[in-house]
Amino acid sequence: MTELTFAILKYGFLALLWVFVWLVIRSLHKEITAFSPRPSRARRRREKAARAAVSASAQSTSEPRSAHGNASRESASRDNGPTLLVVIDGPLAGVSVPLGRQAITLGRAASNTMVLDDEFVSSHHASVAPDPEQGRWIIHDLHSTNGTVVNDQRITEPTVLEPRVPVRIGATTFELR
């Protein structure tokens, strides 16, 4: 064989090696971001910008010209309350559980209402239960190891869960709708 053939084979093999390394790194990055209990900086920036946009739109809707049109819709939605627990991020994204009169338990154990297959989740991690006196939903952290985060705050006691407030347990984020 000539030197040209060896050079082509050598550089071809080197190119295949770099493609393999790139595929491994991409796969590891996807796994890490999917199961990371802490959101990335870029995601935190997007969430912060979204919260700022929501607060700006809330301030603009409090103007007198649109107040009574939105007030009746807001009071109707507040009276009805949330009807679903919806997973918005993580391995179970898109899954929803209807809210009834029973508590919803979350954790790794098969006996939970929503089973979260995640190494950062305790077997019986948290529960979301209705409060019959106030007509609201309460989230309880069941003394989990890694905690339950409601609206970017780790909770240590039962907390009222408002609609559209994100709750993070391990790599899973959900909210009430």
N, C-alpha and C. Protein backbone atom coordinates (compact mmCIF):
# COMPACT_ATOMS: atom_id res chain seq x y z
N MET A 1 0.84 -1.19 0.00
CA MET A 1 0.00 0.00 0.00
C MET A 1 0.89 1.25 0.00
N THR A 2 0.33 2.27 -0.53
CA THR A 2 1.11 3.50 -0.65
C THR A 2 0.92 4.35 0.60
N GLU A 3 1.75 5.38 0.70
CA GLU A 3 1.65 6.30 1.84
C GLU A 3 0.33 7.07 1.81
N LEU A 4 -0.16 7.35 0.65
CA LEU A 4 -1.42 8.07 0.52
C LEU A 4 -2.58 7.26 1.12
N THR A 5 -2.60 5.96 0.88
CA THR A 5 -3.64 5.09 1.43
C THR A 5 -3.55 5.06 2.95
N PHE A 6 -2.35 4.94 3.48
CA PHE A 6 -2.20 4.94 4.94
C PHE A 6 -2.62 6.28 5.54
N ALA A 7 -2.31 7.38 4.90
CA ALA A 7 -2.70 8.70 5.41
C ALA A 7 -4.22 8.85 5.40
N ILE A 8 -4.87 8.40 4.34
CA ILE A 8 -6.34 8.47 4.27
C ILE A 8 -6.97 7.62 5.36
N LEU A 9 -6.47 6.40 5.55
CA LEU A 9 -6.99 5.52 6.61
C LEU A 9 -6.77 6.13 7.98
N LYS A 10 -5.56 6.69 8.19
CA LYS A 10 -5.23 7.27 9.49
C LYS A 10 -6.17 8.44 9.81
N TYR A 11 -6.37 9.38 8.86
CA TYR A 11 -7.23 10.53 9.11
C TYR A 11 -8.71 10.14 9.16
N GLY A 12 -9.09 9.15 8.40
CA GLY A 12 -10.47 8.65 8.47
C GLY A 12 -10.76 8.04 9.83
N PHE A 13 -9.84 7.24 10.35
CA PHE A 13 -10.00 6.66 11.68
C PHE A 13 -10.03 7.74 12.74
N LEU A 14 -9.18 8.75 12.61
CA LEU A 14 -9.16 9.86 13.57
C LEU A 14 -10.49 10.61 13.56
N ALA A 15 -11.05 10.84 12.38
CA ALA A 15 -12.36 11.51 12.28
C ALA A 15 -13.45 10.67 12.94
N LEU A 16 -13.47 9.37 12.71
CA LEU A 16 -14.45 8.49 13.35
C LEU A 16 -14.29 8.49 14.87
N LEU A 17 -13.07 8.53 15.34
CA LEU A 17 -12.81 8.58 16.78
C LEU A 17 -13.40 9.85 17.38
N TRP A 18 -13.22 11.00 16.74
CA TRP A 18 -13.76 12.25 17.25
C TRP A 18 -15.29 12.27 17.20
N VAL A 19 -15.88 11.68 16.17
CA VAL A 19 -17.34 11.57 16.11
C VAL A 19 -17.85 10.73 17.28
N PHE A 20 -17.16 9.64 17.58
CA PHE A 20 -17.55 8.79 18.71
C PHE A 20 -17.45 9.56 20.03
N VAL A 21 -16.35 10.28 20.24
CA VAL A 21 -16.17 11.08 21.46
C VAL A 21 -17.28 12.13 21.57
N TRP A 22 -17.62 12.79 20.46
CA TRP A 22 -18.69 13.79 20.49
C TRP A 22 -20.03 13.17 20.85
N LEU A 23 -20.33 11.98 20.30
CA LEU A 23 -21.59 11.30 20.62
C LEU A 23 -21.65 10.90 22.09
N VAL A 24 -20.55 10.44 22.65
CA VAL A 24 -20.51 10.08 24.08
C VAL A 24 -20.74 11.30 24.95
N ILE A 25 -20.08 12.40 24.64
CA ILE A 25 -20.25 13.62 25.43
C ILE A 25 -21.68 14.15 25.32
N ARG A 26 -22.26 14.13 24.13
CA ARG A 26 -23.64 14.57 23.96
C ARG A 26 -24.61 13.70 24.77
N SER A 27 -24.39 12.40 24.75
CA SER A 27 -25.26 11.48 25.50
C SER A 27 -25.14 11.72 27.00
N LEU A 28 -23.91 11.90 27.49
CA LEU A 28 -23.72 12.19 28.92
C LEU A 28 -24.38 13.51 29.31
N HIS A 29 -24.27 14.51 28.46
CA HIS A 29 -24.88 15.80 28.76
C HIS A 29 -26.40 15.68 28.86
N LYS A 30 -27.01 14.94 27.94
CA LYS A 30 -28.46 14.74 27.98
C LYS A 30 -28.88 14.01 29.26
N GLU A 31 -28.14 12.99 29.66
CA GLU A 31 -28.46 12.25 30.88
C GLU A 31 -28.34 13.13 32.11
N ILE A 32 -27.28 13.92 32.18
CA ILE A 32 -27.06 14.77 33.34
C ILE A 32 -28.15 15.83 33.44
N THR A 33 -28.49 16.47 32.33
CA THR A 33 -29.51 17.52 32.39
C THR A 33 -30.90 16.95 32.65
N ALA A 34 -31.16 15.73 32.22
CA ALA A 34 -32.49 15.15 32.44
C ALA A 34 -32.71 14.77 33.90
N PHE A 35 -31.66 14.34 34.58
CA PHE A 35 -31.82 13.84 35.94
C PHE A 35 -31.20 14.73 36.99
N SER A 36 -30.78 15.91 36.62
CA SER A 36 -30.18 16.82 37.58
C SER A 36 -31.27 17.42 38.47
N PRO A 37 -31.10 17.38 39.79
CA PRO A 37 -32.12 17.94 40.67
C PRO A 37 -32.11 19.47 40.66
N ARG A 38 -31.06 20.07 40.18
CA ARG A 38 -30.95 21.52 40.17
C ARG A 38 -31.00 22.01 38.73
N PRO A 39 -31.87 22.95 38.42
CA PRO A 39 -31.96 23.43 37.04
C PRO A 39 -30.69 24.19 36.64
N SER A 40 -30.41 24.20 35.37
CA SER A 40 -29.23 24.88 34.85
C SER A 40 -29.39 26.39 34.98
N ARG A 41 -28.28 27.09 34.81
CA ARG A 41 -28.33 28.55 34.88
C ARG A 41 -29.21 29.12 33.79
N ALA A 42 -29.09 28.56 32.60
CA ALA A 42 -29.90 29.06 31.48
C ALA A 42 -31.39 28.88 31.79
N ARG A 43 -31.75 27.73 32.35
CA ARG A 43 -33.15 27.48 32.68
C ARG A 43 -33.61 28.41 33.80
N ARG A 44 -32.77 28.66 34.79
CA ARG A 44 -33.14 29.58 35.87
C ARG A 44 -33.32 30.99 35.32
N ARG A 45 -32.47 31.40 34.35
CA ARG A 45 -32.64 32.71 33.74
C ARG A 45 -33.96 32.80 32.98
N ARG A 46 -34.29 31.74 32.22
CA ARG A 46 -35.56 31.74 31.48
C ARG A 46 -36.73 31.82 32.43
N GLU A 47 -36.69 31.06 33.55
CA GLU A 47 -37.78 31.09 34.52
C GLU A 47 -37.90 32.46 35.18
N LYS A 48 -36.74 33.09 35.47
CA LYS A 48 -36.76 34.42 36.07
C LYS A 48 -37.36 35.43 35.10
N ALA A 49 -36.99 35.34 33.83
CA ALA A 49 -37.55 36.24 32.82
C ALA A 49 -39.05 36.00 32.67
N ALA A 50 -39.48 34.75 32.72
CA ALA A 50 -40.90 34.44 32.61
C ALA A 50 -41.67 34.99 33.81
N ARG A 51 -41.10 34.84 35.02
CA ARG A 51 -41.76 35.40 36.20
C ARG A 51 -41.86 36.91 36.11
N ALA A 52 -40.81 37.56 35.59
CA ALA A 52 -40.83 39.02 35.44
C ALA A 52 -41.91 39.43 34.43
N ALA A 53 -42.03 38.65 33.35
CA ALA A 53 -43.06 38.96 32.34
C ALA A 53 -44.45 38.77 32.92
N VAL A 54 -44.63 37.73 33.73
CA VAL A 54 -45.94 37.48 34.35
C VAL A 54 -46.29 38.60 35.33
N SER A 55 -45.30 39.02 36.13
CA SER A 55 -45.59 40.09 37.08
C SER A 55 -45.88 41.41 36.35
N ALA A 56 -45.19 41.64 35.23
CA ALA A 56 -45.46 42.86 34.45
C ALA A 56 -46.86 42.81 33.85
N SER A 57 -47.27 41.64 33.36
CA SER A 57 -48.61 41.54 32.79
C SER A 57 -49.67 41.61 33.89
N ALA A 58 -49.35 41.13 35.08
CA ALA A 58 -50.30 41.22 36.19
C ALA A 58 -50.50 42.68 36.59
N GLN A 59 -49.43 43.46 36.54
CA GLN A 59 -49.55 44.88 36.86
C GLN A 59 -50.37 45.61 35.80
N SER A 60 -50.18 45.23 34.54
CA SER A 60 -50.93 45.90 33.48
C SER A 60 -52.41 45.50 33.50
N THR A 61 -52.74 44.30 33.97
CA THR A 61 -54.14 43.89 34.04
C THR A 61 -54.85 44.51 35.23
N SER A 62 -54.09 45.09 36.15
CA SER A 62 -54.74 45.73 37.30
C SER A 62 -55.19 47.15 36.98
N GLU A 63 -54.96 47.59 35.74
CA GLU A 63 -55.44 48.91 35.33
C GLU A 63 -56.97 48.90 35.29
N PRO A 64 -57.62 50.05 35.50
CA PRO A 64 -59.08 50.09 35.58
C PRO A 64 -59.80 49.61 34.33
N ARG A 65 -59.27 49.85 33.12
CA ARG A 65 -60.00 49.51 31.92
C ARG A 65 -60.19 48.01 31.75
N SER A 66 -59.29 47.18 32.28
CA SER A 66 -59.44 45.74 32.11
C SER A 66 -59.72 45.03 33.42
N ALA A 67 -59.88 45.76 34.48
CA ALA A 67 -60.02 45.14 35.79
C ALA A 67 -61.29 44.31 35.91
N HIS A 68 -62.45 44.87 35.51
CA HIS A 68 -63.68 44.11 35.74
C HIS A 68 -63.82 42.96 34.77
N GLY A 69 -63.25 43.00 33.60
CA GLY A 69 -63.33 41.87 32.66
C GLY A 69 -62.52 40.67 33.17
N ASN A 70 -61.33 40.94 33.67
CA ASN A 70 -60.49 39.85 34.16
C ASN A 70 -60.89 39.41 35.56
N ALA A 71 -61.47 40.32 36.34
CA ALA A 71 -61.80 39.98 37.72
C ALA A 71 -62.83 38.87 37.78
N SER A 72 -63.83 38.92 36.90
CA SER A 72 -64.85 37.88 36.95
C SER A 72 -64.27 36.53 36.54
N ARG A 73 -63.35 36.52 35.54
CA ARG A 73 -62.72 35.25 35.15
C ARG A 73 -61.81 34.73 36.25
N GLU A 74 -61.06 35.63 36.89
CA GLU A 74 -60.16 35.21 37.96
C GLU A 74 -60.94 34.66 39.14
N SER A 75 -62.05 35.31 39.51
CA SER A 75 -62.82 34.82 40.65
C SER A 75 -63.47 33.48 40.32
N ALA A 76 -63.89 33.30 39.07
CA ALA A 76 -64.49 32.02 38.68
C ALA A 76 -63.44 30.91 38.75
N SER A 77 -62.22 31.20 38.27
CA SER A 77 -61.19 30.16 38.33
C SER A 77 -60.75 29.91 39.77
N ARG A 78 -60.78 30.97 40.60
CA ARG A 78 -60.39 30.78 42.00
C ARG A 78 -61.44 29.95 42.73
N ASP A 79 -62.74 30.16 42.41
CA ASP A 79 -63.80 29.40 43.06
C ASP A 79 -63.73 27.93 42.69
N ASN A 80 -63.47 27.65 41.42
CA ASN A 80 -63.39 26.27 40.97
C ASN A 80 -62.14 25.58 41.51
N GLY A 81 -61.04 26.28 41.59
CA GLY A 81 -59.79 25.71 42.08
C GLY A 81 -59.17 24.78 41.04
N PRO A 82 -57.97 24.32 41.34
CA PRO A 82 -57.28 23.44 40.40
C PRO A 82 -57.95 22.06 40.34
N THR A 83 -57.85 21.45 39.17
CA THR A 83 -58.44 20.12 38.98
C THR A 83 -57.42 19.06 38.60
N LEU A 84 -56.19 19.49 38.27
CA LEU A 84 -55.17 18.55 37.84
C LEU A 84 -53.83 18.85 38.49
N LEU A 85 -53.06 17.80 38.74
CA LEU A 85 -51.66 17.92 39.09
C LEU A 85 -50.92 17.53 37.81
N VAL A 86 -50.16 18.47 37.22
CA VAL A 86 -49.53 18.26 35.93
C VAL A 86 -48.01 18.31 36.08
N VAL A 87 -47.33 17.28 35.57
CA VAL A 87 -45.87 17.27 35.56
C VAL A 87 -45.42 18.10 34.37
N ILE A 88 -44.63 19.17 34.64
CA ILE A 88 -44.23 20.08 33.58
C ILE A 88 -42.77 19.89 33.16
N ASP A 89 -41.98 19.18 33.96
CA ASP A 89 -40.58 18.97 33.60
C ASP A 89 -40.08 17.70 34.27
N GLY A 90 -39.19 17.02 33.59
CA GLY A 90 -38.61 15.80 34.13
C GLY A 90 -39.00 14.59 33.31
N PRO A 91 -38.66 13.40 33.81
CA PRO A 91 -38.92 12.17 33.05
C PRO A 91 -40.40 11.92 32.77
N LEU A 92 -41.29 12.40 33.62
CA LEU A 92 -42.73 12.17 33.44
C LEU A 92 -43.45 13.39 32.87
N ALA A 93 -42.73 14.28 32.20
CA ALA A 93 -43.33 15.52 31.69
C ALA A 93 -44.56 15.21 30.84
N GLY A 94 -45.65 15.94 31.11
CA GLY A 94 -46.89 15.75 30.37
C GLY A 94 -47.90 14.88 31.09
N VAL A 95 -47.47 14.14 32.11
CA VAL A 95 -48.38 13.27 32.85
C VAL A 95 -49.22 14.14 33.79
N SER A 96 -50.49 13.81 33.91
CA SER A 96 -51.35 14.56 34.83
C SER A 96 -52.16 13.58 35.68
N VAL A 97 -52.46 14.02 36.89
CA VAL A 97 -53.26 13.23 37.83
C VAL A 97 -54.43 14.11 38.24
N PRO A 98 -55.67 13.61 38.09
CA PRO A 98 -56.82 14.42 38.50
C PRO A 98 -56.86 14.60 40.02
N LEU A 99 -57.21 15.80 40.45
CA LEU A 99 -57.32 16.09 41.87
C LEU A 99 -58.73 15.76 42.33
N GLY A 100 -58.84 14.98 43.38
CA GLY A 100 -60.14 14.64 43.93
C GLY A 100 -60.17 15.01 45.40
N ARG A 101 -60.82 14.18 46.18
CA ARG A 101 -60.90 14.43 47.62
C ARG A 101 -59.79 13.72 48.39
N GLN A 102 -59.08 12.82 47.71
CA GLN A 102 -58.02 12.04 48.35
C GLN A 102 -56.67 12.73 48.18
N ALA A 103 -55.76 12.46 49.11
CA ALA A 103 -54.40 12.98 49.01
C ALA A 103 -53.65 12.25 47.90
N ILE A 104 -52.73 12.94 47.27
CA ILE A 104 -51.87 12.36 46.25
C ILE A 104 -50.49 12.23 46.87
N THR A 105 -49.96 11.02 46.86
CA THR A 105 -48.63 10.80 47.42
C THR A 105 -47.63 10.66 46.28
N LEU A 106 -46.42 11.15 46.52
CA LEU A 106 -45.37 11.12 45.51
C LEU A 106 -44.12 10.50 46.12
N GLY A 107 -43.47 9.64 45.36
CA GLY A 107 -42.24 9.01 45.82
C GLY A 107 -41.84 7.85 44.93
N ARG A 108 -40.78 7.14 45.34
CA ARG A 108 -40.28 6.02 44.55
C ARG A 108 -41.04 4.73 44.76
N ALA A 109 -41.69 4.56 45.90
CA ALA A 109 -42.38 3.31 46.23
C ALA A 109 -43.58 3.10 45.31
N ALA A 110 -43.87 1.86 45.00
CA ALA A 110 -44.99 1.52 44.12
C ALA A 110 -46.33 1.84 44.74
N SER A 111 -46.40 2.03 46.05
CA SER A 111 -47.67 2.32 46.72
C SER A 111 -48.09 3.78 46.59
N ASN A 112 -47.27 4.63 46.01
CA ASN A 112 -47.60 6.05 45.84
C ASN A 112 -48.56 6.25 44.68
N THR A 113 -49.31 7.35 44.73
CA THR A 113 -50.20 7.71 43.63
C THR A 113 -49.39 8.02 42.38
N MET A 114 -48.32 8.79 42.53
CA MET A 114 -47.42 9.09 41.41
C MET A 114 -46.03 8.56 41.77
N VAL A 115 -45.59 7.56 41.03
CA VAL A 115 -44.29 6.93 41.28
C VAL A 115 -43.23 7.69 40.48
N LEU A 116 -42.23 8.23 41.20
CA LEU A 116 -41.15 8.98 40.58
C LEU A 116 -39.89 8.13 40.65
N ASP A 117 -39.49 7.58 39.52
CA ASP A 117 -38.31 6.72 39.46
C ASP A 117 -37.07 7.60 39.33
N ASP A 118 -36.58 8.06 40.48
CA ASP A 118 -35.47 9.02 40.51
C ASP A 118 -34.66 8.74 41.77
N GLU A 119 -33.35 8.72 41.65
CA GLU A 119 -32.52 8.42 42.81
C GLU A 119 -32.50 9.54 43.84
N PHE A 120 -32.96 10.74 43.48
CA PHE A 120 -33.00 11.86 44.41
C PHE A 120 -34.34 11.95 45.14
N VAL A 121 -35.24 11.01 44.92
CA VAL A 121 -36.57 11.01 45.52
C VAL A 121 -36.63 9.90 46.56
N SER A 122 -37.20 10.22 47.73
CA SER A 122 -37.38 9.21 48.79
C SER A 122 -38.53 8.29 48.42
N SER A 123 -38.62 7.15 49.10
CA SER A 123 -39.68 6.19 48.78
C SER A 123 -41.06 6.80 49.04
N HIS A 124 -41.22 7.55 50.12
CA HIS A 124 -42.45 8.31 50.38
C HIS A 124 -42.00 9.75 50.61
N HIS A 125 -41.97 10.52 49.54
CA HIS A 125 -41.31 11.83 49.55
C HIS A 125 -42.23 12.96 50.01
N ALA A 126 -43.41 13.07 49.39
CA ALA A 126 -44.31 14.19 49.70
C ALA A 126 -45.75 13.78 49.44
N SER A 127 -46.66 14.58 49.97
CA SER A 127 -48.07 14.36 49.67
C SER A 127 -48.74 15.70 49.42
N VAL A 128 -49.71 15.68 48.52
CA VAL A 128 -50.51 16.87 48.20
C VAL A 128 -51.94 16.51 48.60
N ALA A 129 -52.49 17.25 49.57
CA ALA A 129 -53.80 16.90 50.13
C ALA A 129 -54.71 18.12 50.15
N PRO A 130 -56.00 17.90 49.99
CA PRO A 130 -56.94 19.03 50.07
C PRO A 130 -57.14 19.46 51.52
N ASP A 131 -57.32 20.75 51.72
CA ASP A 131 -57.65 21.30 53.03
C ASP A 131 -59.13 21.65 52.99
N PRO A 132 -60.00 20.83 53.63
CA PRO A 132 -61.45 21.07 53.51
C PRO A 132 -61.90 22.40 54.11
N GLU A 133 -61.18 22.92 55.09
CA GLU A 133 -61.58 24.18 55.72
C GLU A 133 -61.38 25.37 54.78
N GLN A 134 -60.24 25.41 54.11
CA GLN A 134 -59.92 26.56 53.25
C GLN A 134 -60.23 26.29 51.78
N GLY A 135 -60.43 25.04 51.40
CA GLY A 135 -60.68 24.72 50.01
C GLY A 135 -59.43 24.83 49.15
N ARG A 136 -58.27 24.74 49.76
CA ARG A 136 -57.00 24.83 49.06
C ARG A 136 -56.28 23.49 49.14
N TRP A 137 -55.16 23.39 48.41
CA TRP A 137 -54.34 22.20 48.45
C TRP A 137 -53.07 22.49 49.25
N ILE A 138 -52.70 21.52 50.07
CA ILE A 138 -51.54 21.65 50.95
C ILE A 138 -50.52 20.59 50.54
N ILE A 139 -49.24 20.99 50.46
CA ILE A 139 -48.18 20.02 50.18
C ILE A 139 -47.40 19.78 51.47
N HIS A 140 -47.15 18.51 51.76
CA HIS A 140 -46.40 18.09 52.95
C HIS A 140 -45.14 17.38 52.48
N ASP A 141 -43.99 17.80 52.98
CA ASP A 141 -42.77 17.04 52.75
C ASP A 141 -42.73 15.97 53.83
N LEU A 142 -42.63 14.70 53.44
CA LEU A 142 -42.70 13.59 54.39
C LEU A 142 -41.31 13.22 54.91
N HIS A 143 -40.59 14.22 55.41
CA HIS A 143 -39.24 14.06 55.96
C HIS A 143 -38.31 13.39 54.95
N SER A 144 -38.34 13.89 53.72
CA SER A 144 -37.50 13.33 52.67
C SER A 144 -36.05 13.79 52.87
N THR A 145 -35.14 13.03 52.29
CA THR A 145 -33.72 13.33 52.41
C THR A 145 -33.34 14.59 51.64
N ASN A 146 -33.77 14.70 50.38
CA ASN A 146 -33.37 15.81 49.53
C ASN A 146 -34.36 16.96 49.51
N GLY A 147 -35.48 16.83 50.19
CA GLY A 147 -36.42 17.94 50.33
C GLY A 147 -37.34 18.15 49.15
N THR A 148 -38.31 19.01 49.39
CA THR A 148 -39.29 19.41 48.39
C THR A 148 -39.17 20.92 48.22
N VAL A 149 -39.11 21.38 46.96
CA VAL A 149 -38.90 22.80 46.67
C VAL A 149 -40.16 23.36 46.04
N VAL A 150 -40.77 24.36 46.69
CA VAL A 150 -41.96 25.02 46.19
C VAL A 150 -41.58 26.45 45.84
N ASN A 151 -41.75 26.79 44.55
CA ASN A 151 -41.44 28.15 44.08
C ASN A 151 -40.02 28.56 44.47
N ASP A 152 -39.06 27.69 44.24
CA ASP A 152 -37.63 27.91 44.52
C ASP A 152 -37.32 28.06 46.01
N GLN A 153 -38.20 27.59 46.88
CA GLN A 153 -37.96 27.63 48.33
C GLN A 153 -38.14 26.22 48.88
N ARG A 154 -37.13 25.69 49.58
CA ARG A 154 -37.26 24.37 50.20
C ARG A 154 -38.22 24.49 51.38
N ILE A 155 -39.20 23.59 51.45
CA ILE A 155 -40.20 23.67 52.52
C ILE A 155 -39.86 22.69 53.63
N THR A 156 -40.22 23.07 54.85
CA THR A 156 -39.99 22.22 56.02
C THR A 156 -41.29 21.94 56.77
N GLU A 157 -42.35 22.65 56.39
CA GLU A 157 -43.64 22.46 57.04
C GLU A 157 -44.72 22.46 55.96
N PRO A 158 -45.93 22.00 56.29
CA PRO A 158 -47.01 22.00 55.29
C PRO A 158 -47.21 23.41 54.71
N THR A 159 -47.35 23.45 53.39
CA THR A 159 -47.41 24.72 52.68
C THR A 159 -48.61 24.73 51.74
N VAL A 160 -49.32 25.86 51.69
CA VAL A 160 -50.44 26.02 50.76
C VAL A 160 -49.87 26.06 49.35
N LEU A 161 -50.48 25.28 48.47
CA LEU A 161 -50.01 25.17 47.09
C LEU A 161 -51.00 25.88 46.18
N GLU A 162 -50.59 27.01 45.64
CA GLU A 162 -51.43 27.78 44.73
C GLU A 162 -51.31 27.21 43.32
N PRO A 163 -52.32 27.43 42.48
CA PRO A 163 -52.23 26.99 41.08
C PRO A 163 -51.06 27.66 40.36
N ARG A 164 -50.45 26.92 39.45
CA ARG A 164 -49.34 27.39 38.60
C ARG A 164 -48.06 27.69 39.35
N VAL A 165 -47.93 27.25 40.60
CA VAL A 165 -46.69 27.42 41.34
C VAL A 165 -45.87 26.14 41.15
N PRO A 166 -44.62 26.24 40.64
CA PRO A 166 -43.84 25.03 40.39
C PRO A 166 -43.34 24.38 41.68
N VAL A 167 -43.42 23.04 41.71
CA VAL A 167 -42.93 22.24 42.82
C VAL A 167 -41.92 21.26 42.24
N ARG A 168 -40.69 21.23 42.83
CA ARG A 168 -39.66 20.34 42.33
C ARG A 168 -39.34 19.27 43.36
N ILE A 169 -39.40 18.02 42.90
CA ILE A 169 -39.01 16.87 43.71
C ILE A 169 -38.02 16.09 42.85
N GLY A 170 -36.76 16.09 43.23
CA GLY A 170 -35.74 15.44 42.41
C GLY A 170 -35.67 16.13 41.06
N ALA A 171 -35.77 15.35 39.98
CA ALA A 171 -35.72 15.91 38.62
C ALA A 171 -37.10 16.24 38.08
N THR A 172 -38.14 16.02 38.87
CA THR A 172 -39.51 16.22 38.42
C THR A 172 -40.06 17.55 38.95
N THR A 173 -40.66 18.32 38.06
CA THR A 173 -41.32 19.56 38.43
C THR A 173 -42.79 19.45 38.03
N PHE A 174 -43.69 19.80 38.97
CA PHE A 174 -45.11 19.76 38.69
C PHE A 174 -45.79 20.99 39.23
N GLU A 175 -47.04 21.17 38.84
CA GLU A 175 -47.85 22.28 39.34
C GLU A 175 -49.32 21.88 39.30
N LEU A 176 -50.13 22.64 40.02
CA LEU A 176 -51.58 22.42 40.01
C LEU A 176 -52.20 23.32 38.95
N ARG A 177 -53.17 22.78 38.21
CA ARG A 177 -53.87 23.58 37.20
C ARG A 177 -55.36 23.37 37.35
